[in-house]
Amino acid sequence: MFNILQFDIEEFLKQNKKTIMAIEGRAASGKTTLANFLGKKYNATIFHIDDFFLPIKLQTPKRLSKAGENIDHERFLYEILLPIKNGET
């Protein structure tokens, strides 16, 4: 399985394409280990969504009533997504 992933990554790199990869899985399934391995192997920048949990002061019952709203989406947008889109990272 990992060999297929590695092949796909290397194919993207041959085309000089910037690649954004998301790793999803259950708690303690090895996501961070895999991300760290790939980051070192391919000199990639790693972003952890855990770093963008919503601060307590913004955790309102209304916001937390929806799935996925425990993430500070606004901060993630401005600190990660827009800089990537604008070629700043």
C-alpha atoms as a PDB file:
ATOM      1  CA  MET A   1       0.000   0.000   0.000  1.00  0.00           C
ATOM      2  CA  PHE A   2       2.725   2.457   0.956  1.00  0.00           C
ATOM      3  CA  ASN A   3       4.623   1.686  -2.245  1.00  0.00           C
ATOM      4  CA  ILE A   4       1.585   2.801  -4.272  1.00  0.00           C
ATOM      5  CA  LEU A   5       1.372   6.035  -2.284  1.00  0.00           C
ATOM      6  CA  GLN A   6       5.093   6.631  -2.695  1.00  0.00           C
ATOM      7  CA  PHE A   7       4.840   6.009  -6.452  1.00  0.00           C
ATOM      8  CA  ASP A   8       1.955   8.490  -6.758  1.00  0.00           C
ATOM      9  CA  ILE A   9       3.842  11.162  -4.811  1.00  0.00           C
ATOM     10  CA  GLU A  10       6.942  10.699  -6.931  1.00  0.00           C
ATOM     11  CA  GLU A  11       4.880  10.969 -10.123  1.00  0.00           C
ATOM     12  CA  PHE A  12       3.539  14.339  -8.952  1.00  0.00           C
ATOM     13  CA  LEU A  13       7.045  15.494  -8.072  1.00  0.00           C
ATOM     14  CA  LYS A  14       8.338  14.553 -11.538  1.00  0.00           C
ATOM     15  CA  GLN A  15       5.746  16.932 -12.987  1.00  0.00           C
ATOM     16  CA  ASN A  16       6.941  19.740 -10.693  1.00  0.00           C
ATOM     17  CA  LYS A  17       3.426  20.087  -9.330  1.00  0.00           C
ATOM     18  CA  LYS A  18       2.733  21.413  -5.888  1.00  0.00           C
ATOM     19  CA  THR A  19       0.791  18.788  -4.043  1.00  0.00           C
ATOM     20  CA  ILE A  20      -1.460  19.065  -1.030  1.00  0.00           C
ATOM     21  CA  MET A  21      -2.125  15.810   0.733  1.00  0.00           C
ATOM     22  CA  ALA A  22      -4.530  15.190   3.599  1.00  0.00           C
ATOM     23  CA  ILE A  23      -4.136  12.229   5.906  1.00  0.00           C
ATOM     24  CA  GLU A  24      -7.276  11.119   7.724  1.00  0.00           C
ATOM     25  CA  GLY A  25      -7.808   8.354  10.217  1.00  0.00           C
ATOM     26  CA  ARG A  26      -8.859   7.322  13.684  1.00  0.00           C
ATOM     27  CA  ALA A  27      -6.993   8.351  16.821  1.00  0.00           C
ATOM     28  CA  ALA A  28      -3.631   6.614  17.220  1.00  0.00           C
ATOM     29  CA  SER A  29      -3.779   5.128  13.706  1.00  0.00           C
ATOM     30  CA  GLY A  30      -0.362   6.478  12.667  1.00  0.00           C
ATOM     31  CA  LYS A  31      -1.348   9.693  10.868  1.00  0.00           C
ATOM     32  CA  THR A  32       1.356  11.789  12.515  1.00  0.00           C
ATOM     33  CA  THR A  33       3.982   9.087  12.015  1.00  0.00           C
ATOM     34  CA  LEU A  34       3.129   8.866   8.312  1.00  0.00           C
ATOM     35  CA  ALA A  35       3.053  12.659   7.936  1.00  0.00           C
ATOM     36  CA  ASN A  36       6.430  13.033   9.640  1.00  0.00           C
ATOM     37  CA  PHE A  37       7.943  10.298   7.461  1.00  0.00           C
ATOM     38  CA  LEU A  38       6.631  11.881   4.258  1.00  0.00           C
ATOM     39  CA  GLY A  39       7.679  15.331   5.425  1.00  0.00           C
ATOM     40  CA  LYS A  40      11.269  14.198   5.945  1.00  0.00           C
ATOM     41  CA  LYS A  41      11.435  12.086   2.793  1.00  0.00           C
ATOM     42  CA  TYR A  42      10.024  14.775   0.496  1.00  0.00           C
ATOM     43  CA  ASN A  43      11.060  17.927   2.383  1.00  0.00           C
ATOM     44  CA  ALA A  44       7.376  18.752   2.820  1.00  0.00           C
ATOM     45  CA  THR A  45       5.685  21.188   5.133  1.00  0.00           C
ATOM     46  CA  ILE A  46       3.322  19.501   7.567  1.00  0.00           C
ATOM     47  CA  PHE A  47       0.238  21.198   9.010  1.00  0.00           C
ATOM     48  CA  HIS A  48      -1.669  19.550  11.843  1.00  0.00           C
ATOM     49  CA  ILE A  49      -5.349  20.402  12.134  1.00  0.00           C
ATOM     50  CA  ASP A  50      -4.989  19.799  15.887  1.00  0.00           C
ATOM     51  CA  ASP A  51      -3.128  23.116  15.965  1.00  0.00           C
ATOM     52  CA  PHE A  52      -6.337  24.819  14.846  1.00  0.00           C
ATOM     53  CA  PHE A  53      -8.817  23.653  17.465  1.00  0.00           C
ATOM     54  CA  LEU A  54     -11.275  26.386  18.321  1.00  0.00           C
ATOM     55  CA  PRO A  55     -10.227  28.436  21.377  1.00  0.00           C
ATOM     56  CA  ILE A  56     -12.503  27.976  24.384  1.00  0.00           C
ATOM     57  CA  LYS A  57     -13.778  31.554  24.141  1.00  0.00           C
ATOM     58  CA  LEU A  58     -15.176  30.779  20.648  1.00  0.00           C
ATOM     59  CA  GLN A  59     -16.736  27.428  21.581  1.00  0.00           C
ATOM     60  CA  THR A  60     -20.396  28.381  21.675  1.00  0.00           C
ATOM     61  CA  PRO A  61     -23.164  25.767  21.894  1.00  0.00           C
ATOM     62  CA  LYS A  62     -24.471  26.893  18.495  1.00  0.00           C
ATOM     63  CA  ARG A  63     -21.104  26.480  16.805  1.00  0.00           C
ATOM     64  CA  LEU A  64     -20.289  23.183  18.478  1.00  0.00           C
ATOM     65  CA  SER A  65     -23.693  21.747  17.556  1.00  0.00           C
ATOM     66  CA  LYS A  66     -22.418  21.147  14.010  1.00  0.00           C
ATOM     67  CA  ALA A  67     -19.925  18.440  13.058  1.00  0.00           C
ATOM     68  CA  GLY A  68     -16.430  19.759  12.392  1.00  0.00           C
ATOM     69  CA  GLU A  69     -17.046  23.137  13.976  1.00  0.00           C
ATOM     70  CA  ASN A  70     -14.527  22.561  16.749  1.00  0.00           C
ATOM     71  CA  ILE A  71     -11.904  23.805  14.262  1.00  0.00           C
ATOM     72  CA  ASP A  72     -11.013  27.473  13.869  1.00  0.00           C
ATOM     73  CA  HIS A  73     -11.749  27.506  10.128  1.00  0.00           C
ATOM     74  CA  GLU A  74     -11.150  31.236   9.814  1.00  0.00           C
ATOM     75  CA  ARG A  75      -7.650  31.005  11.300  1.00  0.00           C
ATOM     76  CA  PHE A  76      -6.852  27.953   9.140  1.00  0.00           C
ATOM     77  CA  LEU A  77      -7.997  29.860   6.058  1.00  0.00           C
ATOM     78  CA  TYR A  78      -5.851  32.915   6.748  1.00  0.00           C
ATOM     79  CA  GLU A  79      -2.771  31.168   8.142  1.00  0.00           C
ATOM     80  CA  ILE A  80      -2.606  28.146   5.831  1.00  0.00           C
ATOM     81  CA  LEU A  81      -4.953  28.028   2.840  1.00  0.00           C
ATOM     82  CA  LEU A  82      -4.663  31.588   1.526  1.00  0.00           C
ATOM     83  CA  PRO A  83      -0.843  31.658   1.767  1.00  0.00           C
ATOM     84  CA  ILE A  84      -0.739  28.365  -0.165  1.00  0.00           C
ATOM     85  CA  LYS A  85      -3.137  29.737  -2.781  1.00  0.00           C
ATOM     86  CA  ASN A  86      -1.047  32.904  -3.114  1.00  0.00           C
ATOM     87  CA  GLY A  87       2.220  30.961  -3.491  1.00  0.00           C
ATOM     88  CA  GLU A  88       3.599  32.220  -0.180  1.00  0.00           C
ATOM     89  CA  THR A  89       4.461  28.776   1.130  1.00  0.00           C
END
